[in-house]
């Protein structure tokens, strides 16, 4: 089981800021739901986030993603 928080998502998707993940949660209703909410924050299954990122073209090197979302 590969669990990730906002920092790990940002690193794996090449985002400049982990806060972009929270922006995506608000902006995109189909963004994966976290599997747990801990005191340190939300936790997601990486496979769910990677599938969403693939569907939306949010993988590292995509021209649209500059880390400013």
PDB file of N, CA and C in Angstrom:
ATOM      1  N   UNK A   1       0.848  -1.175   0.000  1.00  0.00           N
ATOM      2  CA  UNK A   1       0.000   0.000   0.000  1.00  0.00           C
ATOM      3  C   UNK A   1       0.893   1.237   0.000  1.00  0.00           C
ATOM      4  N   UNK A   2       0.716   2.072  -0.987  1.00  0.00           N
ATOM      5  CA  UNK A   2       1.551   3.265  -1.135  1.00  0.00           C
ATOM      6  C   UNK A   2       0.735   4.492  -0.742  1.00  0.00           C
ATOM      7  N   UNK A   3       0.896   4.934   0.507  1.00  0.00           N
ATOM      8  CA  UNK A   3       0.170   6.095   1.011  1.00  0.00           C
ATOM      9  C   UNK A   3       1.022   7.342   0.858  1.00  0.00           C
ATOM     10  N   UNK A   4       0.368   8.458   0.514  1.00  0.00           N
ATOM     11  CA  UNK A   4       1.087   9.712   0.317  1.00  0.00           C
ATOM     12  C   UNK A   4       0.305  10.875   0.911  1.00  0.00           C
ATOM     13  N   UNK A   5       1.054  11.888   1.336  1.00  0.00           N
ATOM     14  CA  UNK A   5       0.474  13.147   1.785  1.00  0.00           C
ATOM     15  C   UNK A   5       0.715  14.211   0.720  1.00  0.00           C
ATOM     16  N   UNK A   6       0.364  15.435   1.027  1.00  0.00           N
ATOM     17  CA  UNK A   6       0.506  16.513   0.032  1.00  0.00           C
ATOM     18  C   UNK A   6       1.953  16.710  -0.407  1.00  0.00           C
ATOM     19  N   UNK A   7       2.889  16.588   0.523  1.00  0.00           N
ATOM     20  CA  UNK A   7       4.302  16.780   0.185  1.00  0.00           C
ATOM     21  C   UNK A   7       4.774  15.724  -0.815  1.00  0.00           C
ATOM     22  N   UNK A   8       4.412  14.473  -0.565  1.00  0.00           N
ATOM     23  CA  UNK A   8       4.826  13.396  -1.463  1.00  0.00           C
ATOM     24  C   UNK A   8       4.154  13.518  -2.831  1.00  0.00           C
ATOM     25  N   UNK A   9       2.893  13.912  -2.839  1.00  0.00           N
ATOM     26  CA  UNK A   9       2.198  14.120  -4.120  1.00  0.00           C
ATOM     27  C   UNK A   9       2.896  15.209  -4.915  1.00  0.00           C
ATOM     28  N   UNK A  10       3.192  16.315  -4.250  1.00  0.00           N
ATOM     29  CA  UNK A  10       3.869  17.423  -4.929  1.00  0.00           C
ATOM     30  C   UNK A  10       5.213  16.976  -5.496  1.00  0.00           C
ATOM     31  N   UNK A  11       5.986  16.237  -4.709  1.00  0.00           N
ATOM     32  CA  UNK A  11       7.286  15.753  -5.190  1.00  0.00           C
ATOM     33  C   UNK A  11       7.133  14.847  -6.399  1.00  0.00           C
ATOM     34  N   UNK A  12       6.222  13.894  -6.316  1.00  0.00           N
ATOM     35  CA  UNK A  12       6.065  12.914  -7.395  1.00  0.00           C
ATOM     36  C   UNK A  12       5.493  13.523  -8.672  1.00  0.00           C
ATOM     37  N   UNK A  13       4.689  14.567  -8.525  1.00  0.00           N
ATOM     38  CA  UNK A  13       4.098  15.195  -9.715  1.00  0.00           C
ATOM     39  C   UNK A  13       4.877  16.418 -10.180  1.00  0.00           C
ATOM     40  N   UNK A  14       5.977  16.716  -9.500  1.00  0.00           N
ATOM     41  CA  UNK A  14       6.821  17.827  -9.914  1.00  0.00           C
ATOM     42  C   UNK A  14       6.222  19.194  -9.654  1.00  0.00           C
ATOM     43  N   UNK A  15       5.424  19.310  -8.605  1.00  0.00           N
ATOM     44  CA  UNK A  15       4.810  20.595  -8.260  1.00  0.00           C
ATOM     45  C   UNK A  15       5.780  21.431  -7.437  1.00  0.00           C
ATOM     46  N   UNK A  16       5.688  22.728  -7.594  1.00  0.00           N
ATOM     47  CA  UNK A  16       6.555  23.623  -6.834  1.00  0.00           C
ATOM     48  C   UNK A  16       6.114  23.729  -5.374  1.00  0.00           C
ATOM     49  N   UNK A  17       4.813  23.548  -5.123  1.00  0.00           N
ATOM     50  CA  UNK A  17       4.274  23.737  -3.774  1.00  0.00           C
ATOM     51  C   UNK A  17       3.277  22.638  -3.435  1.00  0.00           C
ATOM     52  N   UNK A  18       3.365  22.098  -2.237  1.00  0.00           N
ATOM     53  CA  UNK A  18       2.403  21.089  -1.782  1.00  0.00           C
ATOM     54  C   UNK A  18       1.004  21.680  -1.665  1.00  0.00           C
ATOM     55  N   UNK A  19       0.906  22.982  -1.473  1.00  0.00           N
ATOM     56  CA  UNK A  19      -0.401  23.647  -1.370  1.00  0.00           C
ATOM     57  C   UNK A  19      -1.226  23.469  -2.641  1.00  0.00           C
ATOM     58  N   UNK A  20      -0.584  23.217  -3.771  1.00  0.00           N
ATOM     59  CA  UNK A  20      -1.307  22.978  -5.024  1.00  0.00           C
ATOM     60  C   UNK A  20      -2.266  21.807  -4.889  1.00  0.00           C
ATOM     61  N   UNK A  21      -1.909  20.825  -4.074  1.00  0.00           N
ATOM     62  CA  UNK A  21      -2.772  19.654  -3.882  1.00  0.00           C
ATOM     63  C   UNK A  21      -4.093  20.090  -3.245  1.00  0.00           C
ATOM     64  N   UNK A  22      -4.041  20.977  -2.255  1.00  0.00           N
ATOM     65  CA  UNK A  22      -5.266  21.474  -1.623  1.00  0.00           C
ATOM     66  C   UNK A  22      -6.097  22.288  -2.613  1.00  0.00           C
ATOM     67  N   UNK A  23      -5.425  23.032  -3.466  1.00  0.00           N
ATOM     68  CA  UNK A  23      -6.132  23.789  -4.503  1.00  0.00           C
ATOM     69  C   UNK A  23      -6.866  22.838  -5.431  1.00  0.00           C
ATOM     70  N   UNK A  24      -6.206  21.781  -5.843  1.00  0.00           N
ATOM     71  CA  UNK A  24      -6.847  20.795  -6.718  1.00  0.00           C
ATOM     72  C   UNK A  24      -8.043  20.155  -6.034  1.00  0.00           C
ATOM     73  N   UNK A  25      -7.940  19.863  -4.734  1.00  0.00           N
ATOM     74  CA  UNK A  25      -9.059  19.261  -4.002  1.00  0.00           C
ATOM     75  C   UNK A  25     -10.286  20.157  -4.081  1.00  0.00           C
ATOM     76  N   UNK A  26     -10.099  21.460  -4.000  1.00  0.00           N
ATOM     77  CA  UNK A  26     -11.217  22.401  -4.060  1.00  0.00           C
ATOM     78  C   UNK A  26     -11.704  22.613  -5.490  1.00  0.00           C
ATOM     79  N   UNK A  27     -10.788  22.644  -6.429  1.00  0.00           N
ATOM     80  CA  UNK A  27     -11.110  22.993  -7.813  1.00  0.00           C
ATOM     81  C   UNK A  27     -11.716  21.832  -8.609  1.00  0.00           C
ATOM     82  N   UNK A  28     -11.265  20.630  -8.339  1.00  0.00           N
ATOM     83  CA  UNK A  28     -11.679  19.472  -9.135  1.00  0.00           C
ATOM     84  C   UNK A  28     -12.485  18.494  -8.284  1.00  0.00           C
ATOM     85  N   UNK A  29     -13.800  18.396  -8.534  1.00  0.00           N
ATOM     86  CA  UNK A  29     -14.626  17.493  -7.735  1.00  0.00           C
ATOM     87  C   UNK A  29     -14.246  16.021  -7.883  1.00  0.00           C
ATOM     88  N   UNK A  30     -13.545  15.679  -8.971  1.00  0.00           N
ATOM     89  CA  UNK A  30     -13.155  14.284  -9.169  1.00  0.00           C
ATOM     90  C   UNK A  30     -11.770  13.959  -8.608  1.00  0.00           C
ATOM     91  N   UNK A  31     -11.135  14.932  -7.934  1.00  0.00           N
ATOM     92  CA  UNK A  31      -9.846  14.632  -7.302  1.00  0.00           C
ATOM     93  C   UNK A  31     -10.091  13.539  -6.261  1.00  0.00           C
ATOM     94  N   UNK A  32      -9.195  12.560  -6.174  1.00  0.00           N
ATOM     95  CA  UNK A  32      -9.423  11.438  -5.246  1.00  0.00           C
ATOM     96  C   UNK A  32      -9.669  11.896  -3.812  1.00  0.00           C
ATOM     97  N   UNK A  33     -10.553  11.189  -3.157  1.00  0.00           N
ATOM     98  CA  UNK A  33     -10.807  11.461  -1.742  1.00  0.00           C
ATOM     99  C   UNK A  33      -9.677  10.857  -0.919  1.00  0.00           C
ATOM    100  N   UNK A  34      -9.279  11.532   0.134  1.00  0.00           N
ATOM    101  CA  UNK A  34      -8.252  10.955   0.999  1.00  0.00           C
ATOM    102  C   UNK A  34      -8.785   9.683   1.660  1.00  0.00           C
ATOM    103  N   UNK A  35      -7.889   8.751   1.934  1.00  0.00           N
ATOM    104  CA  UNK A  35      -8.277   7.515   2.608  1.00  0.00           C
ATOM    105  C   UNK A  35      -8.246   7.683   4.120  1.00  0.00           C
ATOM    106  N   UNK A  36      -7.586   8.747   4.582  1.00  0.00           N
ATOM    107  CA  UNK A  36      -7.529   9.026   6.017  1.00  0.00           C
ATOM    108  C   UNK A  36      -7.232  10.504   6.234  1.00  0.00           C
ATOM    109  N   UNK A  37      -7.698  10.992   7.375  1.00  0.00           N
ATOM    110  CA  UNK A  37      -7.384  12.347   7.806  1.00  0.00           C
ATOM    111  C   UNK A  37      -6.718  12.223   9.167  1.00  0.00           C
ATOM    112  N   UNK A  38      -5.459  12.633   9.206  1.00  0.00           N
ATOM    113  CA  UNK A  38      -4.669  12.549  10.435  1.00  0.00           C
ATOM    114  C   UNK A  38      -4.402  13.952  10.956  1.00  0.00           C
ATOM    115  N   UNK A  39      -3.854  14.056  12.137  1.00  0.00           N
ATOM    116  CA  UNK A  39      -3.495  15.375  12.671  1.00  0.00           C
ATOM    117  C   UNK A  39      -2.526  16.101  11.753  1.00  0.00           C
ATOM    118  N   UNK A  40      -1.672  15.341  11.063  1.00  0.00           N
ATOM    119  CA  UNK A  40      -0.684  15.956  10.175  1.00  0.00           C
ATOM    120  C   UNK A  40      -1.272  16.305   8.810  1.00  0.00           C
ATOM    121  N   UNK A  41      -2.481  15.829   8.524  1.00  0.00           N
ATOM    122  CA  UNK A  41      -3.123  16.160   7.255  1.00  0.00           C
ATOM    123  C   UNK A  41      -3.770  14.973   6.581  1.00  0.00           C
ATOM    124  N   UNK A  42      -4.099  15.161   5.332  1.00  0.00           N
ATOM    125  CA  UNK A  42      -4.768  14.136   4.535  1.00  0.00           C
ATOM    126  C   UNK A  42      -3.773  13.107   4.011  1.00  0.00           C
ATOM    127  N   UNK A  43      -4.277  11.884   3.792  1.00  0.00           N
ATOM    128  CA  UNK A  43      -3.466  10.795   3.249  1.00  0.00           C
ATOM    129  C   UNK A  43      -4.258  10.160   2.109  1.00  0.00           C
ATOM    130  N   UNK A  44      -3.583   9.959   0.981  1.00  0.00           N
ATOM    131  CA  UNK A  44      -4.193   9.364  -0.203  1.00  0.00           C
ATOM    132  C   UNK A  44      -3.466   8.089  -0.603  1.00  0.00           C
ATOM    133  N   UNK A  45      -4.149   7.272  -1.377  1.00  0.00           N
ATOM    134  CA  UNK A  45      -3.518   6.142  -2.054  1.00  0.00           C
ATOM    135  C   UNK A  45      -2.835   6.719  -3.297  1.00  0.00           C
ATOM    136  N   UNK A  46      -1.549   6.447  -3.464  1.00  0.00           N
ATOM    137  CA  UNK A  46      -0.819   6.991  -4.601  1.00  0.00           C
ATOM    138  C   UNK A  46      -1.430   6.556  -5.927  1.00  0.00           C
ATOM    139  N   UNK A  47      -1.870   5.317  -6.033  1.00  0.00           N
ATOM    140  CA  UNK A  47      -2.449   4.841  -7.293  1.00  0.00           C
ATOM    141  C   UNK A  47      -3.665   5.669  -7.706  1.00  0.00           C
ATOM    142  N   UNK A  48      -4.478   6.086  -6.730  1.00  0.00           N
ATOM    143  CA  UNK A  48      -5.649   6.924  -7.034  1.00  0.00           C
ATOM    144  C   UNK A  48      -5.221   8.290  -7.567  1.00  0.00           C
ATOM    145  N   UNK A  49      -4.228   8.882  -6.917  1.00  0.00           N
ATOM    146  CA  UNK A  49      -3.747  10.205  -7.329  1.00  0.00           C
ATOM    147  C   UNK A  49      -3.059  10.118  -8.693  1.00  0.00           C
ATOM    148  N   UNK A  50      -2.249   9.088  -8.902  1.00  0.00           N
ATOM    149  CA  UNK A  50      -1.549   8.928 -10.185  1.00  0.00           C
ATOM    150  C   UNK A  50      -2.543   8.731 -11.325  1.00  0.00           C
ATOM    151  N   UNK A  51      -3.606   7.969 -11.086  1.00  0.00           N
ATOM    152  CA  UNK A  51      -4.628   7.769 -12.126  1.00  0.00           C
ATOM    153  C   UNK A  51      -5.311   9.093 -12.449  1.00  0.00           C
ATOM    154  N   UNK A  52      -5.632   9.880 -11.425  1.00  0.00           N
ATOM    155  CA  UNK A  52      -6.258  11.192 -11.632  1.00  0.00           C
ATOM    156  C   UNK A  52      -5.299  12.103 -12.406  1.00  0.00           C
ATOM    157  N   UNK A  53      -4.040  12.122 -12.013  1.00  0.00           N
ATOM    158  CA  UNK A  53      -3.048  12.973 -12.670  1.00  0.00           C
ATOM    159  C   UNK A  53      -2.888  12.590 -14.136  1.00  0.00           C
ATOM    160  N   UNK A  54      -2.913  11.313 -14.434  1.00  0.00           N
ATOM    161  CA  UNK A  54      -2.815  10.856 -15.817  1.00  0.00           C
ATOM    162  C   UNK A  54      -4.023  11.326 -16.615  1.00  0.00           C
ATOM    163  N   UNK A  55      -5.203  11.176 -16.047  1.00  0.00           N
ATOM    164  CA  UNK A  55      -6.441  11.576 -16.715  1.00  0.00           C
ATOM    165  C   UNK A  55      -6.461  13.071 -17.019  1.00  0.00           C
ATOM    166  N   UNK A  56      -5.903  13.869 -16.124  1.00  0.00           N
ATOM    167  CA  UNK A  56      -5.937  15.325 -16.249  1.00  0.00           C
ATOM    168  C   UNK A  56      -4.646  15.930 -16.803  1.00  0.00           C
ATOM    169  N   UNK A  57      -3.715  15.099 -17.231  1.00  0.00           N
ATOM    170  CA  UNK A  57      -2.472  15.617 -17.798  1.00  0.00           C
ATOM    171  C   UNK A  57      -1.628  16.380 -16.803  1.00  0.00           C
ATOM    172  N   UNK A  58      -1.590  15.915 -15.567  1.00  0.00           N
ATOM    173  CA  UNK A  58      -0.841  16.597 -14.506  1.00  0.00           C
ATOM    174  C   UNK A  58       0.433  15.867 -14.121  1.00  0.00           C
ATOM    175  N   UNK A  59       1.052  15.229 -15.092  1.00  0.00           N
ATOM    176  CA  UNK A  59       2.285  14.506 -14.804  1.00  0.00           C
ATOM    177  C   UNK A  59       3.487  15.416 -14.995  1.00  0.00           C
ATOM    178  N   UNK A  60       4.621  15.102 -14.387  1.00  0.00           N
ATOM    179  CA  UNK A  60       5.807  15.948 -14.541  1.00  0.00           C
ATOM    180  C   UNK A  60       6.132  16.169 -16.017  1.00  0.00           C
ATOM    181  N   UNK A  61       6.455  17.416 -16.333  1.00  0.00           N
ATOM    182  CA  UNK A  61       6.815  17.760 -17.702  1.00  0.00           C
ATOM    183  C   UNK A  61       5.650  18.264 -18.514  1.00  0.00           C
ATOM    184  N   UNK A  62       4.408  18.177 -17.994  1.00  0.00           N
ATOM    185  CA  UNK A  62       3.261  18.736 -18.710  1.00  0.00           C
ATOM    186  C   UNK A  62       3.420  20.241 -18.795  1.00  0.00           C
ATOM    187  N   UNK A  63       3.163  20.789 -19.956  1.00  0.00           N
ATOM    188  CA  UNK A  63       3.311  22.237 -20.160  1.00  0.00           C
ATOM    189  C   UNK A  63       2.377  23.034 -19.276  1.00  0.00           C
ATOM    190  N   UNK A  64       1.181  22.525 -19.003  1.00  0.00           N
ATOM    191  CA  UNK A  64       0.189  23.273 -18.241  1.00  0.00           C
ATOM    192  C   UNK A  64       0.589  23.457 -16.786  1.00  0.00           C
ATOM    193  N   UNK A  65       1.289  22.492 -16.196  1.00  0.00           N
ATOM    194  CA  UNK A  65       1.614  22.538 -14.777  1.00  0.00           C
ATOM    195  C   UNK A  65       2.907  23.307 -14.532  1.00  0.00           C
ATOM    196  N   UNK A  66       2.775  24.422 -13.857  1.00  0.00           N
ATOM    197  CA  UNK A  66       3.952  25.203 -13.529  1.00  0.00           C
ATOM    198  C   UNK A  66       4.144  25.316 -12.030  1.00  0.00           C
ATOM    199  N   UNK A  67       3.272  24.649 -11.247  1.00  0.00           N
ATOM    200  CA  UNK A  67       3.368  24.734  -9.809  1.00  0.00           C
ATOM    201  C   UNK A  67       2.616  25.907  -9.238  1.00  0.00           C
ATOM    202  N   UNK A  68       1.877  26.628 -10.056  1.00  0.00           N
ATOM    203  CA  UNK A  68       1.152  27.797  -9.587  1.00  0.00           C
ATOM    204  C   UNK A  68      -0.328  27.562  -9.401  1.00  0.00           C
ATOM    205  N   UNK A  69      -0.776  26.328  -9.477  1.00  0.00           N
ATOM    206  CA  UNK A  69      -2.209  26.043  -9.279  1.00  0.00           C
ATOM    207  C   UNK A  69      -2.606  26.157  -7.839  1.00  0.00           C
TER     208      UNK A  69
END
